[in-house]
Amino acid sequence: MQSETRPDPFPACPAPFNLAAHVLARAEDTPDKIALAVLRLTGAERWSYARLKSAVLGTGTGLLQAGLRPGDRVLMRLGNTVDFPIAYLGAIAVGLVPVPTSSQLTAPEVLKMIATLDPAAILLGPGIACPDTSIPVIDTAALSAMRDLPPAEWHMGDPDRLGYIIYTSGTSGIPRAVCHAHRAIWARRMMMSGWYGLRSDDRLLHAGAFNWTYTLGTGLMDPWTMGATALIPEPDTDPAQLPLLLKRHDATIFAAAPGVYRKMLGSGAPLPALPKLRHGLAAGEKLSDNIRQQWHDATGTAIHEAYGMSECSTFISASPDHPATPGTLGRPQPGRRVAILGPDGPVARGDEGTIAIHRSDPGLMLGYLDAPDETQARFQGDWFLTGDQGVMDDAGDVTYLGRSDDMMNAGGIRVSPIEVEMVLNHHPSITQSAVTDIEVKPDVRVIMAFYTAPQRLDEASLEAYVSDRLAAYKRPRAYIHVDALPTGANGKLLRRKLRPIYEALNGQA
């Protein structure tokens, strides 16, 4: 049997269509229901469905009144506040193309994006880095005032038209702009039963920030699509406080990156009884069996893991209906056509290959912005290649075997080592650098830099150098001076040989 799923076709996305209209379609049925609660230990800021929809459509009106027109790209430089999802949906509602970005990016990093993106406006929050340009800027005070404007009309159209753009680190070291269609939200319906087990009466608490795409999708858009309640802790909430918030706010589903689960379990305090919690969700990086078991022992509930990427969100997962076989990610979600590929196509069940998803998947990106050749290079025939290795067993469950490239994972965010190395290699005293992520203790991976130079450099000065050029999550946590970097016979850098150098220096076996 081949490592390929051939599911029944998923129902086509209706036309005309608008992503934001689809997300808020339940607002008319339950206008007074709480759509969003921003949680504090002493209470919460609550948004009803009616208030949320009014704010979104008022924002859409304000953006059009600011001179923007359907199809314009809008760069989002907003912080971890409710302004982020309201502006995002408000832009999409009137046919604009929002481009959400991490608030941790530095001004030089954002300038590179602007050069290729050519945005018509920038939505800018206080204290968020942004280069000086001639592009019109709309601040959060102006955005907030827009919420009270008359509602805009939904901009309906072809579900295949461009809806939003997100950036992902490229293997070349240059961030890639990933273009998604409005239909991407329709494809997430396959995740409702294939991963979440999400119902309209659920209260889903997501531990991420408003301006992280994992939170934006799993924590907000999907609960709202189902008419459920989204619970988001206020910014800078200590992970040790999350169990108490889960209990006080009757959360039925908890979603977080594996690192958050690790911090909660490692706080030293026992978790309170969580009688309303049905299960947890994890994505962004590989979930260890150790964390999975500790969580089950502490709460009596399972964590259902999902695998995906910026180009196609999640499409392989475990779920309440189909828990993962131990050691596997789970199986392709209902409606997903997935394969494990070798050079000649799908391999036999049990054989290793590259995880791939079919071109016909409605959640697959339109392509990389203005990069048709780079887009086509990611395909093998009709299959989009993830670049990750896996094995599919006879039951259809997929075991993740690791990356086939050198991409790093920083707390659930993929980071290109080349992007970090390009910064380090411009340092006047460094002759060559190499960067990789290393597991320094169970379930904890950090980015480490190895460099050659005439002499060891002051680590504080290196940290200061990169802090002006790289977002915090991309910065190395240690700088290791070496006489030479490991290379192959052809002189190519061998990043897999960096870990043994670290182990030897630290006396590890």
Protein backbone atom coordinates (compact mmCIF):
# COMPACT_ATOMS: atom_id res chain seq x y z
CA MET A 1 0.00 0.00 0.00
CA GLN A 2 1.28 3.48 -0.85
CA SER A 3 1.74 6.29 1.66
CA GLU A 4 -1.06 8.43 0.28
CA THR A 5 -4.56 9.35 1.42
CA ARG A 6 -7.38 9.71 -1.11
CA PRO A 7 -10.28 11.17 0.88
CA ASP A 8 -13.68 12.15 -0.41
CA PRO A 9 -13.47 15.68 -1.86
CA PHE A 10 -14.06 18.42 0.68
CA PRO A 11 -17.07 20.63 -0.15
CA ALA A 12 -16.01 23.54 -2.36
CA CYS A 13 -15.79 27.01 -0.85
CA PRO A 14 -18.96 28.94 -1.72
CA ALA A 15 -18.79 31.97 -4.00
CA PRO A 16 -18.91 34.90 -3.63
CA PHE A 17 -16.97 34.73 -0.38
CA ASN A 18 -15.23 36.88 2.21
CA LEU A 19 -13.00 35.45 4.93
CA ALA A 20 -14.07 37.92 7.62
CA ALA A 21 -17.77 37.50 6.81
CA HIS A 22 -17.35 33.73 7.21
CA VAL A 23 -15.60 34.14 10.58
CA LEU A 24 -18.35 36.39 11.97
CA ALA A 25 -21.35 34.68 10.38
CA ARG A 26 -22.54 33.42 13.80
CA ALA A 27 -22.73 36.97 15.17
CA GLU A 28 -26.28 37.40 13.85
CA ASP A 29 -27.46 34.22 15.60
CA THR A 30 -25.93 34.98 19.02
CA PRO A 31 -25.26 38.74 19.17
CA ASP A 32 -25.12 38.86 22.99
CA LYS A 33 -22.89 35.81 23.46
CA ILE A 34 -19.33 36.50 24.59
CA ALA A 35 -17.03 36.09 21.59
CA LEU A 36 -13.83 37.16 23.34
CA ALA A 37 -12.68 37.55 26.91
CA VAL A 38 -9.24 39.03 27.63
CA LEU A 39 -8.36 37.41 30.94
CA ARG A 40 -6.80 38.88 34.07
CA LEU A 41 -6.44 37.21 37.45
CA THR A 42 -9.00 39.64 38.81
CA GLY A 43 -11.50 39.69 35.94
CA ALA A 44 -11.79 40.02 32.18
CA GLU A 45 -12.50 42.44 29.34
CA ARG A 46 -15.43 40.95 27.42
CA TRP A 47 -16.54 41.43 23.83
CA SER A 48 -19.93 40.20 22.64
CA TYR A 49 -20.37 38.96 19.09
CA ALA A 50 -22.41 42.08 18.28
CA ARG A 51 -19.72 44.41 19.64
CA LEU A 52 -16.96 42.51 17.84
CA LYS A 53 -18.75 42.57 14.48
CA SER A 54 -19.55 46.28 14.86
CA ALA A 55 -15.91 47.07 15.66
CA VAL A 56 -14.66 45.05 12.67
CA LEU A 57 -17.03 46.64 10.16
CA GLY A 58 -16.51 50.12 11.61
CA THR A 59 -12.76 49.62 11.23
CA GLY A 60 -13.35 48.58 7.63
CA THR A 61 -15.21 51.85 7.02
CA GLY A 62 -12.40 53.84 8.62
CA LEU A 63 -9.72 52.19 6.51
CA LEU A 64 -11.62 53.02 3.33
CA GLN A 65 -12.15 56.59 4.52
CA ALA A 66 -8.38 56.81 5.02
CA GLY A 67 -8.01 56.40 1.26
CA LEU A 68 -7.32 52.66 1.02
CA ARG A 69 -8.93 50.62 -1.73
CA PRO A 70 -9.69 46.89 -2.17
CA GLY A 71 -6.52 45.03 -3.08
CA ASP A 72 -4.21 47.42 -1.20
CA ARG A 73 -1.67 45.79 1.09
CA VAL A 74 -1.62 46.94 4.69
CA LEU A 75 1.41 46.19 6.87
CA MET A 76 0.41 45.42 10.47
CA ARG A 77 2.93 46.57 13.10
CA LEU A 78 0.68 46.19 16.12
CA GLY A 79 1.30 44.85 19.60
CA ASN A 80 -0.29 42.10 21.66
CA THR A 81 -3.68 43.78 22.04
CA VAL A 82 -7.24 43.31 20.79
CA ASP A 83 -6.47 45.99 18.17
CA PHE A 84 -4.68 43.28 16.21
CA PRO A 85 -7.54 40.87 15.34
CA ILE A 86 -10.05 43.71 14.90
CA ALA A 87 -7.79 45.51 12.41
CA TYR A 88 -6.96 42.24 10.66
CA LEU A 89 -10.61 41.29 10.12
CA GLY A 90 -11.59 44.90 9.39
CA ALA A 91 -9.10 45.06 6.55
CA ILE A 92 -10.19 41.74 5.06
CA ALA A 93 -13.86 42.68 5.42
CA VAL A 94 -13.47 45.51 2.89
CA GLY A 95 -11.12 43.68 0.50
CA LEU A 96 -7.77 44.98 1.78
CA VAL A 97 -4.85 42.58 2.18
CA PRO A 98 -3.45 42.69 5.75
CA VAL A 99 0.11 41.57 6.38
CA PRO A 100 0.50 40.62 10.08
CA THR A 101 4.07 40.69 11.36
CA SER A 102 5.76 39.95 14.67
CA SER A 103 6.06 42.97 16.95
CA GLN A 104 9.55 41.73 17.88
CA LEU A 105 11.02 42.53 14.46
CA THR A 106 13.57 45.31 14.30
CA ALA A 107 13.31 48.32 11.99
CA PRO A 108 15.93 46.94 9.54
CA GLU A 109 14.03 43.65 9.33
CA VAL A 110 10.78 45.48 8.61
CA LEU A 111 12.48 47.65 6.00
CA LYS A 112 13.40 44.51 4.01
CA MET A 113 9.74 43.48 4.03
CA ILE A 114 8.55 46.90 2.93
CA ALA A 115 10.93 46.83 -0.04
CA THR A 116 9.21 43.78 -1.53
CA LEU A 117 5.72 44.31 -0.15
CA ASP A 118 5.04 47.91 -1.25
CA PRO A 119 2.25 48.47 1.31
CA ALA A 120 -0.28 51.26 0.90
CA ALA A 121 -0.39 51.91 4.66
CA ILE A 122 1.16 50.82 7.95
CA LEU A 123 -0.92 50.14 11.06
CA LEU A 124 1.44 51.06 13.88
CA GLY A 125 1.17 50.44 17.61
CA PRO A 126 3.07 52.37 20.32
CA GLY A 127 6.61 51.20 20.92
CA ILE A 128 6.65 48.88 17.88
CA ALA A 129 9.75 49.17 15.70
CA CYS A 130 9.14 50.57 12.24
CA PRO A 131 11.48 52.40 9.84
CA ASP A 132 10.81 55.96 8.74
CA THR A 133 9.18 55.92 5.31
CA SER A 134 6.80 58.01 3.25
CA ILE A 135 4.09 55.34 3.62
CA PRO A 136 0.96 56.61 5.43
CA VAL A 137 0.78 55.46 9.05
CA ILE A 138 -2.44 54.76 10.99
CA ASP A 139 -1.90 54.55 14.74
CA THR A 140 -3.91 52.64 17.32
CA ALA A 141 -5.76 55.75 18.49
CA ALA A 142 -7.10 56.25 14.98
CA LEU A 143 -7.93 52.54 14.67
CA SER A 144 -9.82 52.59 17.96
CA ALA A 145 -11.87 55.60 16.84
CA MET A 146 -12.88 53.77 13.66
CA ARG A 147 -14.81 51.13 15.62
CA ASP A 148 -17.74 53.52 16.16
CA LEU A 149 -18.13 54.38 12.47
CA PRO A 150 -21.09 53.06 10.44
CA PRO A 151 -20.60 49.46 9.31
CA ALA A 152 -18.96 48.78 5.97
CA GLU A 153 -20.42 46.39 3.43
CA TRP A 154 -18.70 43.03 3.10
CA HIS A 155 -16.42 42.95 0.06
CA MET A 156 -17.54 39.70 -1.54
CA GLY A 157 -15.69 38.04 -4.40
CA ASP A 158 -13.80 35.05 -5.75
CA PRO A 159 -12.70 32.80 -2.83
CA ASP A 160 -9.40 32.28 -4.68
CA ARG A 161 -8.47 35.98 -4.58
CA LEU A 162 -5.67 37.17 -2.33
CA GLY A 163 -6.87 37.55 1.26
CA TYR A 164 -3.78 38.06 3.44
CA ILE A 165 -0.01 37.66 3.46
CA ILE A 166 2.20 36.24 6.21
CA TYR A 167 5.96 36.06 6.41
CA THR A 168 7.99 32.96 7.06
CA SER A 169 11.77 32.54 7.31
CA GLY A 170 13.25 31.27 4.08
CA THR A 171 16.06 28.77 3.71
CA SER A 172 17.90 31.48 1.73
CA GLY A 173 17.92 33.73 4.81
CA ILE A 174 15.43 36.15 3.29
CA PRO A 175 11.90 36.16 4.79
CA ARG A 176 9.33 34.93 2.26
CA ALA A 177 5.93 36.52 1.81
CA VAL A 178 3.33 33.72 1.74
CA CYS A 179 0.13 34.68 -0.07
CA HIS A 180 -3.14 33.09 1.09
CA ALA A 181 -6.58 33.21 -0.47
CA HIS A 182 -9.86 34.01 1.28
CA ARG A 183 -10.68 30.28 0.98
CA ALA A 184 -7.95 29.46 3.51
CA ILE A 185 -10.48 29.97 6.32
CA TRP A 186 -12.86 27.52 4.63
CA ALA A 187 -10.18 24.84 4.70
CA ARG A 188 -9.87 25.23 8.47
CA ARG A 189 -13.27 23.53 8.79
CA MET A 190 -11.33 20.27 8.32
CA MET A 191 -9.53 21.05 11.58
CA MET A 192 -12.70 21.37 13.64
CA SER A 193 -13.22 17.63 13.98
CA GLY A 194 -9.83 16.52 12.63
CA TRP A 195 -7.93 18.28 15.44
CA TYR A 196 -9.96 20.45 17.81
CA GLY A 197 -13.17 18.58 18.47
CA LEU A 198 -14.51 22.15 18.61
CA ARG A 199 -18.18 22.89 19.42
CA SER A 200 -20.19 26.08 19.67
CA ASP A 201 -20.45 25.72 23.46
CA ASP A 202 -16.66 25.49 23.93
CA ARG A 203 -14.53 28.04 25.73
CA LEU A 204 -11.09 27.81 24.12
CA LEU A 205 -8.20 29.40 26.02
CA HIS A 206 -5.15 30.09 23.87
CA ALA A 207 -1.95 31.01 25.69
CA GLY A 208 -0.37 32.87 22.76
CA ALA A 209 -0.25 36.57 21.89
CA PHE A 210 -2.90 38.26 19.78
CA ASN A 211 -0.30 39.02 17.11
CA TRP A 212 0.93 35.44 16.65
CA THR A 213 -0.60 33.62 13.68
CA TYR A 214 -1.15 30.46 15.79
CA THR A 215 -3.29 32.49 18.19
CA LEU A 216 -4.98 34.38 15.37
CA GLY A 217 -6.16 31.15 13.76
CA THR A 218 -6.63 28.55 16.49
CA GLY A 219 -7.33 30.98 19.33
CA LEU A 220 -9.65 33.48 17.61
CA MET A 221 -10.78 32.88 14.02
CA ASP A 222 -11.75 29.24 14.51
CA PRO A 223 -13.73 29.65 17.76
CA TRP A 224 -15.57 32.60 16.23
CA THR A 225 -16.33 30.62 13.09
CA MET A 226 -17.97 27.98 15.30
CA GLY A 227 -19.78 30.52 17.49
CA ALA A 228 -17.66 29.51 20.51
CA THR A 229 -15.93 31.75 23.06
CA ALA A 230 -12.26 32.68 22.74
CA LEU A 231 -10.30 33.24 25.97
CA ILE A 232 -6.96 35.08 25.70
CA PRO A 233 -4.79 35.92 28.74
CA GLU A 234 -3.74 39.55 28.96
CA PRO A 235 -0.21 40.34 27.70
CA ASP A 236 2.76 39.11 29.76
CA THR A 237 0.72 36.64 31.80
CA ASP A 238 3.04 34.31 33.71
CA PRO A 239 2.58 30.71 32.45
CA ALA A 240 2.39 29.64 36.10
CA GLN A 241 -0.91 31.57 36.32
CA LEU A 242 -2.53 29.82 33.36
CA PRO A 243 -3.91 26.85 35.33
CA LEU A 244 -5.79 29.25 37.59
CA LEU A 245 -7.21 31.10 34.57
CA LEU A 246 -8.27 27.78 33.03
CA LYS A 247 -10.17 26.95 36.19
CA ARG A 248 -11.70 30.37 36.91
CA HIS A 249 -12.98 30.86 33.37
CA ASP A 250 -14.26 27.31 32.81
CA ALA A 251 -12.04 26.64 29.81
CA THR A 252 -13.01 23.48 27.95
CA ILE A 253 -10.06 23.43 25.51
CA PHE A 254 -6.53 24.73 26.08
CA ALA A 255 -4.17 25.59 23.21
CA ALA A 256 -0.49 26.49 23.50
CA ALA A 257 2.97 25.80 22.14
CA PRO A 258 4.74 22.83 23.77
CA GLY A 259 7.08 25.22 25.58
CA VAL A 260 4.15 26.75 27.48
CA TYR A 261 3.02 23.32 28.66
CA ARG A 262 6.57 22.66 29.83
CA LYS A 263 6.69 25.90 31.86
CA MET A 264 3.30 25.21 33.44
CA LEU A 265 4.30 21.72 34.45
CA GLY A 266 7.72 22.84 35.65
CA SER A 267 6.51 25.63 37.91
CA GLY A 268 6.68 23.34 40.93
CA ALA A 269 3.09 23.89 42.02
CA PRO A 270 0.49 21.15 41.38
CA LEU A 271 -2.15 22.04 38.83
CA PRO A 272 -5.66 22.64 40.21
CA ALA A 273 -8.53 20.37 39.33
CA LEU A 274 -9.88 21.34 35.91
CA PRO A 275 -13.25 19.59 35.69
CA LYS A 276 -14.43 21.53 32.61
CA LEU A 277 -11.28 20.92 30.54
CA ARG A 278 -11.78 18.29 27.84
CA HIS A 279 -8.34 18.31 26.20
CA GLY A 280 -5.33 20.38 25.16
CA LEU A 281 -3.97 21.32 21.73
CA ALA A 282 -0.33 21.79 20.72
CA ALA A 283 1.38 23.06 17.57
CA GLY A 284 4.35 25.11 16.48
CA GLU A 285 7.07 22.62 17.43
CA LYS A 286 7.31 18.91 18.17
CA LEU A 287 5.56 17.88 21.38
CA SER A 288 7.64 15.49 23.47
CA ASP A 289 6.18 12.30 24.91
CA ASN A 290 7.46 13.45 28.30
CA ILE A 291 5.32 16.63 28.29
CA ARG A 292 2.34 14.72 26.94
CA GLN A 293 2.52 12.18 29.76
CA GLN A 294 3.10 14.76 32.50
CA TRP A 295 0.06 16.73 31.34
CA HIS A 296 -2.11 13.63 31.32
CA ASP A 297 -0.92 12.69 34.81
CA ALA A 298 -1.66 16.21 36.09
CA THR A 299 -5.04 16.83 34.42
CA GLY A 300 -6.36 13.48 33.21
CA THR A 301 -6.71 14.95 29.70
CA ALA A 302 -4.86 14.37 26.44
CA ILE A 303 -2.90 16.86 24.34
CA HIS A 304 -3.74 16.56 20.65
CA GLU A 305 -0.83 17.61 18.47
CA ALA A 306 -0.97 19.06 14.96
CA TYR A 307 1.54 19.47 12.16
CA GLY A 308 1.46 22.26 9.62
CA MET A 309 3.34 25.25 8.29
CA SER A 310 2.86 28.82 7.16
CA GLU A 311 2.12 27.66 3.63
CA CYS A 312 -0.75 25.38 4.67
CA SER A 313 -1.56 25.75 8.36
CA THR A 314 -2.16 22.33 10.00
CA PHE A 315 -3.24 19.27 8.04
CA ILE A 316 -2.00 16.29 10.08
CA SER A 317 -3.21 15.94 13.66
CA ALA A 318 -4.58 13.82 16.44
CA SER A 319 -8.09 14.52 17.71
CA PRO A 320 -10.56 13.42 20.39
CA ASP A 321 -12.13 11.04 17.85
CA HIS A 322 -8.76 9.69 16.68
CA PRO A 323 -6.07 9.97 19.38
CA ALA A 324 -2.55 9.60 18.08
CA THR A 325 -0.80 6.27 18.11
CA PRO A 326 2.11 6.71 20.58
CA GLY A 327 5.06 8.33 18.85
CA THR A 328 3.07 9.69 15.90
CA LEU A 329 1.60 13.09 15.00
CA GLY A 330 -1.76 11.57 14.20
CA ARG A 331 -3.27 11.26 10.75
CA PRO A 332 -4.23 13.54 7.84
CA GLN A 333 -7.39 15.44 8.70
CA PRO A 334 -10.64 14.43 6.94
CA GLY A 335 -10.59 15.82 3.43
CA ARG A 336 -6.80 16.27 3.30
CA ARG A 337 -4.91 14.51 0.53
CA VAL A 338 -1.47 13.84 1.99
CA ALA A 339 1.45 11.65 0.89
CA ILE A 340 4.93 10.61 1.91
CA LEU A 341 7.02 11.10 -1.21
CA GLY A 342 10.19 9.66 -2.61
CA PRO A 343 11.84 10.74 -5.89
CA ASP A 344 9.30 8.75 -7.91
CA GLY A 345 6.14 9.58 -5.97
CA PRO A 346 4.43 8.14 -2.88
CA VAL A 347 6.55 5.53 -1.11
CA ALA A 348 5.28 2.29 0.41
CA ARG A 349 3.70 2.42 3.86
CA GLY A 350 6.43 2.19 6.45
CA ASP A 351 9.10 3.79 4.24
CA GLU A 352 10.62 7.20 4.94
CA GLY A 353 9.98 10.14 2.63
CA THR A 354 9.05 13.80 2.45
CA ILE A 355 5.69 14.87 3.90
CA ALA A 356 3.63 16.47 1.12
CA ILE A 357 0.12 17.83 0.58
CA HIS A 358 -1.78 17.90 -2.69
CA ARG A 359 -2.03 21.04 -4.80
CA SER A 360 -5.84 20.87 -4.61
CA ASP A 361 -5.99 21.48 -0.85
CA PRO A 362 -8.07 24.63 -0.25
CA GLY A 363 -5.77 25.68 2.60
CA LEU A 364 -2.61 25.67 0.49
CA MET A 365 -1.06 29.03 -0.26
CA LEU A 366 -1.49 30.82 -3.57
CA GLY A 367 2.30 31.13 -3.72
CA TYR A 368 5.20 33.27 -2.60
CA LEU A 369 4.76 36.96 -3.45
CA ASP A 370 6.23 37.81 -6.86
CA ALA A 371 8.28 34.60 -6.82
CA PRO A 372 6.77 32.09 -9.28
CA ASP A 373 10.00 30.13 -9.71
CA GLU A 374 10.50 29.78 -5.96
CA THR A 375 6.87 28.71 -5.62
CA GLN A 376 7.17 26.08 -8.33
CA ALA A 377 10.36 24.75 -6.77
CA ARG A 378 8.33 23.65 -3.73
CA PHE A 379 6.27 21.24 -5.86
CA GLN A 380 6.91 17.74 -7.11
CA GLY A 381 4.22 17.32 -9.73
CA ASP A 382 0.94 18.08 -7.95
CA TRP A 383 2.46 17.69 -4.49
CA PHE A 384 3.64 20.55 -2.27
CA LEU A 385 6.82 19.49 -0.47
CA THR A 386 7.02 20.49 3.18
CA GLY A 387 10.73 19.74 3.48
CA ASP A 388 10.08 17.56 6.53
CA GLN A 389 10.60 13.81 6.68
CA GLY A 390 8.02 11.29 7.88
CA VAL A 391 6.67 7.75 7.74
CA MET A 392 3.02 6.71 7.29
CA ASP A 393 1.95 3.43 8.90
CA ASP A 394 -0.77 1.05 7.75
CA ALA A 395 -3.39 2.91 9.80
CA GLY A 396 -2.50 6.20 8.13
CA ASP A 397 -0.75 7.73 11.17
CA VAL A 398 2.33 9.79 10.40
CA THR A 399 5.55 9.76 12.41
CA TYR A 400 7.64 12.93 12.18
CA LEU A 401 11.32 12.22 11.52
CA GLY A 402 12.70 15.74 11.49
CA ARG A 403 13.55 18.47 9.05
CA SER A 404 15.29 17.78 5.78
CA ASP A 405 16.67 21.35 5.80
CA ASP A 406 18.51 23.31 8.45
CA MET A 407 15.57 25.39 9.68
CA MET A 408 15.57 26.06 13.41
CA ASN A 409 12.65 26.25 15.81
CA ALA A 410 12.55 29.08 18.34
CA GLY A 411 9.60 28.54 20.65
CA GLY A 412 7.38 27.38 17.81
CA ILE A 413 8.59 29.91 15.22
CA ARG A 414 10.73 28.68 12.33
CA VAL A 415 13.97 30.62 11.94
CA SER A 416 16.44 30.39 9.09
CA PRO A 417 20.03 29.88 10.28
CA ILE A 418 21.20 31.67 7.15
CA GLU A 419 19.34 34.83 8.16
CA VAL A 420 21.14 34.85 11.53
CA GLU A 421 24.48 33.95 9.96
CA MET A 422 24.18 36.81 7.46
CA VAL A 423 23.97 39.25 10.36
CA LEU A 424 26.87 37.69 12.26
CA ASN A 425 29.07 37.51 9.17
CA HIS A 426 28.84 41.29 8.81
CA HIS A 427 30.42 41.74 12.23
CA PRO A 428 33.86 43.30 11.57
CA SER A 429 35.72 40.78 13.76
CA ILE A 430 33.98 37.55 12.69
CA THR A 431 35.45 35.65 9.77
CA GLN A 432 32.73 32.98 9.51
CA SER A 433 29.71 31.85 11.53
CA ALA A 434 27.29 28.94 11.75
CA VAL A 435 24.06 28.76 13.69
CA THR A 436 21.82 25.90 14.80
CA ASP A 437 19.32 25.06 17.50
CA ILE A 438 20.48 22.65 20.20
CA GLU A 439 18.53 20.76 22.85
CA VAL A 440 20.28 21.88 26.05
CA LYS A 441 17.99 19.90 28.33
CA PRO A 442 14.94 17.73 27.74
CA ASP A 443 12.35 19.62 25.63
CA VAL A 444 14.35 22.88 25.65
CA ARG A 445 16.00 23.98 22.40
CA VAL A 446 17.93 27.24 22.04
CA ILE A 447 19.70 28.91 19.14
CA MET A 448 23.50 28.85 19.41
CA ALA A 449 26.09 30.57 17.27
CA PHE A 450 29.53 29.22 16.46
CA TYR A 451 32.09 31.59 14.96
CA THR A 452 35.69 31.89 13.88
CA ALA A 453 37.69 35.02 14.65
CA PRO A 454 41.31 35.89 15.44
CA GLN A 455 40.35 35.83 19.12
CA ARG A 456 37.33 35.21 21.35
CA LEU A 457 34.92 38.17 21.26
CA ASP A 458 33.10 39.72 24.16
CA GLU A 459 29.69 38.05 24.33
CA ALA A 460 27.92 41.15 25.60
CA SER A 461 29.15 43.12 22.59
CA LEU A 462 27.90 40.37 20.25
CA GLU A 463 24.52 40.42 21.94
CA ALA A 464 24.31 44.18 21.54
CA TYR A 465 25.31 43.88 17.88
CA VAL A 466 22.56 41.41 16.95
CA SER A 467 19.91 43.09 19.13
CA ASP A 468 19.80 46.02 16.69
CA ARG A 469 19.44 43.71 13.70
CA LEU A 470 17.38 40.67 14.69
CA ALA A 471 14.12 40.07 16.52
CA ALA A 472 14.59 38.65 20.00
CA TYR A 473 13.39 35.16 19.05
CA LYS A 474 16.03 34.94 16.29
CA ARG A 475 18.99 35.89 18.50
CA PRO A 476 21.50 33.27 19.65
CA ARG A 477 21.53 32.45 23.35
CA ALA A 478 25.23 31.62 23.31
CA TYR A 479 28.27 32.47 21.16
CA ILE A 480 30.96 29.80 20.88
CA HIS A 481 34.41 30.64 19.49
CA VAL A 482 35.97 27.79 17.48
CA ASP A 483 39.16 27.39 15.46
CA ALA A 484 37.25 26.13 12.43
CA LEU A 485 33.68 25.30 11.45
CA PRO A 486 32.83 21.75 10.33
CA THR A 487 32.67 21.30 6.56
CA GLY A 488 32.38 18.45 4.10
CA ALA A 489 34.81 17.40 1.40
CA ASN A 490 33.43 20.08 -0.91
CA GLY A 491 33.81 22.78 1.74
CA LYS A 492 30.08 23.00 2.48
CA LEU A 493 29.14 23.84 6.04
CA LEU A 494 27.82 20.85 8.03
CA ARG A 495 25.46 22.25 10.67
CA ARG A 496 24.67 18.79 11.99
CA LYS A 497 28.28 18.64 13.22
CA LEU A 498 27.84 21.66 15.48
CA ARG A 499 26.12 19.80 18.29
CA PRO A 500 29.08 17.45 18.90
CA ILE A 501 31.27 20.58 19.26
CA TYR A 502 28.89 21.93 21.90
CA GLU A 503 28.79 18.57 23.71
CA ALA A 504 32.57 18.28 23.73
CA LEU A 505 32.98 21.78 25.16
CA ASN A 506 30.40 21.03 27.86
CA GLY A 507 31.63 17.57 28.75
CA GLN A 508 28.52 15.78 27.51
CA ALA A 509 28.49 12.26 26.12
